[in-house]
């Protein structure tokens, strides 16, 4: 396995940050350059995500425990048991491809529409794309169910004094005059 394919999810997710850095370093007066950088980075992000299609069913990239593909797992904050954990399934792969393709199309479509503060616009757009790519990966932080959702239903474990998440059943109110 190559370094690129082992880390393809991290590369796809964080590649737009390269464009953000380049746009920040680019002179503000050269608006056409900012637009070119954003378009090229978005196109490259889509092209980098294409191997997800061809290698999706490759057995060497499938995690035997979870069935997730292209899993990247590394300790992050060990004191509280947080791990950096990326992995995708079939729907996540399609969402990543859709996000990268639509990001490129949206940036290309905004070429003539964005006339004020294009540097800021394209930086924020690429940051938004990073966030959407991270969302498309199945698990960002693997904290563990007992730490992520300490309360289930009406029961509160003893070692959690405060209920952070509470699920309640509420009756569905249907108004006949609504429509």
Protein backbone atom coordinates (compact mmCIF):
# COMPACT_ATOMS: atom_id res chain seq x y z
CA UNK A 1 0.00 0.00 0.00
CA UNK A 2 1.26 3.44 -0.85
CA UNK A 3 1.37 6.40 1.50
CA UNK A 4 -1.20 8.22 -0.63
CA UNK A 5 -3.77 5.43 -0.50
CA UNK A 6 -3.21 4.74 3.21
CA UNK A 7 -3.93 8.39 4.01
CA UNK A 8 -6.34 9.27 1.21
CA UNK A 9 -9.14 10.36 3.55
CA UNK A 10 -6.88 12.76 5.42
CA UNK A 11 -5.53 14.11 2.15
CA UNK A 12 -8.98 14.57 0.63
CA UNK A 13 -10.38 16.15 3.79
CA UNK A 14 -7.56 18.57 4.48
CA UNK A 15 -6.38 19.36 0.93
CA UNK A 16 -8.50 22.55 0.73
CA UNK A 17 -6.48 23.91 3.66
CA UNK A 18 -3.56 24.16 1.25
CA UNK A 19 -5.68 26.49 -0.86
CA UNK A 20 -6.60 28.54 2.22
CA UNK A 21 -2.92 29.03 3.07
CA UNK A 22 -2.07 29.96 -0.54
CA UNK A 23 -4.94 32.43 -0.74
CA UNK A 24 -3.97 34.04 2.57
CA UNK A 25 -0.39 34.47 1.33
CA UNK A 26 -1.53 35.77 -2.08
CA UNK A 27 -1.60 39.58 -2.58
CA UNK A 28 -5.08 41.01 -2.01
CA UNK A 29 -4.91 43.19 -5.11
CA UNK A 30 -4.63 40.17 -7.45
CA UNK A 31 -8.25 38.99 -7.31
CA UNK A 32 -7.94 36.87 -10.46
CA UNK A 33 -5.08 34.93 -8.88
CA UNK A 34 -7.19 34.23 -5.79
CA UNK A 35 -9.98 32.88 -8.00
CA UNK A 36 -7.56 30.72 -9.98
CA UNK A 37 -6.05 29.29 -6.79
CA UNK A 38 -9.48 28.44 -5.37
CA UNK A 39 -10.60 26.81 -8.63
CA UNK A 40 -7.43 24.79 -9.08
CA UNK A 41 -7.46 23.61 -5.45
CA UNK A 42 -11.13 22.60 -5.71
CA UNK A 43 -10.50 20.73 -8.97
CA UNK A 44 -7.46 19.00 -7.50
CA UNK A 45 -9.52 18.07 -4.43
CA UNK A 46 -12.05 16.36 -6.67
CA UNK A 47 -9.35 14.60 -8.69
CA UNK A 48 -7.64 13.41 -5.51
CA UNK A 49 -10.93 11.90 -4.31
CA UNK A 50 -11.49 9.83 -7.47
CA UNK A 51 -9.32 6.87 -6.35
CA UNK A 52 -11.93 6.27 -3.65
CA UNK A 53 -14.13 4.83 -6.42
CA UNK A 54 -11.55 2.55 -8.00
CA UNK A 55 -10.07 1.24 -4.75
CA UNK A 56 -13.24 1.06 -2.65
CA UNK A 57 -13.56 -2.74 -2.82
CA UNK A 58 -9.83 -3.42 -2.59
CA UNK A 59 -9.47 -5.84 0.33
CA UNK A 60 -6.28 -4.21 1.59
CA UNK A 61 -8.17 -0.99 2.44
CA UNK A 62 -11.08 -2.64 4.28
CA UNK A 63 -10.95 -2.74 8.07
CA UNK A 64 -11.75 -6.32 9.11
CA UNK A 65 -13.28 -5.25 12.46
CA UNK A 66 -15.73 -2.60 11.25
CA UNK A 67 -15.98 -3.06 7.50
CA UNK A 68 -15.07 0.59 7.02
CA UNK A 69 -12.79 1.53 4.15
CA UNK A 70 -9.56 3.57 4.18
CA UNK A 71 -9.47 3.70 7.99
CA UNK A 72 -7.01 6.10 9.56
CA UNK A 73 -6.73 5.69 13.32
CA UNK A 74 -4.24 7.39 15.60
CA UNK A 75 -4.21 8.45 19.26
CA UNK A 76 -4.91 12.13 19.72
CA UNK A 77 -5.63 13.13 23.33
CA UNK A 78 -4.66 10.04 25.24
CA UNK A 79 -5.52 11.45 28.67
CA UNK A 80 -9.23 11.26 27.91
CA UNK A 81 -9.08 8.49 25.32
CA UNK A 82 -9.76 10.58 22.19
CA UNK A 83 -8.57 9.15 18.89
CA UNK A 84 -8.30 10.59 15.41
CA UNK A 85 -10.46 8.11 13.52
CA UNK A 86 -11.47 8.42 9.88
CA UNK A 87 -13.26 5.78 7.87
CA UNK A 88 -15.93 5.67 5.20
CA UNK A 89 -18.66 3.38 4.00
CA UNK A 90 -20.43 3.39 0.65
CA UNK A 91 -22.68 6.35 1.35
CA UNK A 92 -19.83 8.37 2.84
CA UNK A 93 -17.75 7.74 -0.28
CA UNK A 94 -20.53 9.09 -2.47
CA UNK A 95 -20.96 12.10 -0.19
CA UNK A 96 -17.25 12.91 -0.34
CA UNK A 97 -17.25 12.67 -4.13
CA UNK A 98 -20.39 14.81 -4.31
CA UNK A 99 -18.93 17.40 -1.93
CA UNK A 100 -15.68 17.72 -3.84
CA UNK A 101 -17.41 17.86 -7.23
CA UNK A 102 -20.05 20.37 -6.13
CA UNK A 103 -17.39 22.44 -4.38
CA UNK A 104 -15.49 22.78 -7.65
CA UNK A 105 -18.67 23.60 -9.59
CA UNK A 106 -19.75 26.18 -6.99
CA UNK A 107 -16.37 27.91 -6.97
CA UNK A 108 -16.29 27.92 -10.76
CA UNK A 109 -19.84 29.32 -10.87
CA UNK A 110 -18.95 32.14 -8.50
CA UNK A 111 -16.14 33.42 -10.75
CA UNK A 112 -18.01 36.52 -11.94
CA UNK A 113 -20.54 36.78 -9.10
CA UNK A 114 -18.08 37.48 -6.28
CA UNK A 115 -16.79 41.02 -6.72
CA UNK A 116 -16.38 42.17 -3.12
CA UNK A 117 -13.80 40.57 -0.83
CA UNK A 118 -13.09 37.50 -2.98
CA UNK A 119 -10.08 36.53 -0.87
CA UNK A 120 -12.22 36.12 2.23
CA UNK A 121 -15.02 34.42 0.32
CA UNK A 122 -12.82 31.73 -1.20
CA UNK A 123 -10.97 31.14 2.10
CA UNK A 124 -14.25 30.57 3.89
CA UNK A 125 -15.59 28.44 1.07
CA UNK A 126 -12.56 26.16 1.17
CA UNK A 127 -12.82 25.96 4.97
CA UNK A 128 -16.46 25.00 4.57
CA UNK A 129 -15.40 22.26 2.18
CA UNK A 130 -12.94 20.94 4.77
CA UNK A 131 -15.75 20.80 7.33
CA UNK A 132 -18.10 19.02 4.95
CA UNK A 133 -15.42 16.49 4.02
CA UNK A 134 -14.74 15.78 7.69
CA UNK A 135 -18.48 15.38 8.30
CA UNK A 136 -18.68 12.89 5.44
CA UNK A 137 -16.15 10.64 7.13
CA UNK A 138 -17.99 8.39 9.53
CA UNK A 139 -16.24 8.96 12.86
CA UNK A 140 -14.08 11.94 13.59
CA UNK A 141 -13.59 11.46 17.30
CA UNK A 142 -13.84 7.99 18.80
CA UNK A 143 -14.31 8.88 22.45
CA UNK A 144 -16.42 5.91 23.42
CA UNK A 145 -20.14 5.75 24.04
CA UNK A 146 -19.82 6.19 27.79
CA UNK A 147 -17.96 9.48 27.38
CA UNK A 148 -19.69 10.85 24.28
CA UNK A 149 -23.29 10.21 25.36
CA UNK A 150 -23.29 9.75 29.12
CA UNK A 151 -27.08 9.49 29.48
CA UNK A 152 -29.44 7.17 27.69
CA UNK A 153 -33.14 7.61 28.25
CA UNK A 154 -33.97 8.49 31.84
CA UNK A 155 -31.07 6.65 33.45
CA UNK A 156 -28.02 8.59 34.58
CA UNK A 157 -24.85 6.65 35.37
CA UNK A 158 -23.41 7.32 38.84
CA UNK A 159 -20.06 8.55 37.55
CA UNK A 160 -21.69 11.38 35.55
CA UNK A 161 -23.22 13.94 37.90
CA UNK A 162 -24.73 16.04 35.11
CA UNK A 163 -26.85 14.78 32.24
CA UNK A 164 -25.27 16.10 29.04
CA UNK A 165 -27.63 14.39 26.63
CA UNK A 166 -31.16 13.39 27.40
CA UNK A 167 -33.61 11.70 25.04
CA UNK A 168 -37.25 12.24 25.83
CA UNK A 169 -40.34 10.93 24.15
CA UNK A 170 -42.69 13.74 23.23
CA UNK A 171 -46.12 13.29 21.73
CA UNK A 172 -46.45 14.24 18.10
CA UNK A 173 -48.80 17.17 17.80
CA UNK A 174 -50.80 17.15 14.60
CA UNK A 175 -52.89 20.17 13.70
CA UNK A 176 -55.57 19.49 11.12
CA UNK A 177 -55.68 23.16 10.17
CA UNK A 178 -51.96 23.36 9.41
CA UNK A 179 -52.33 22.52 5.74
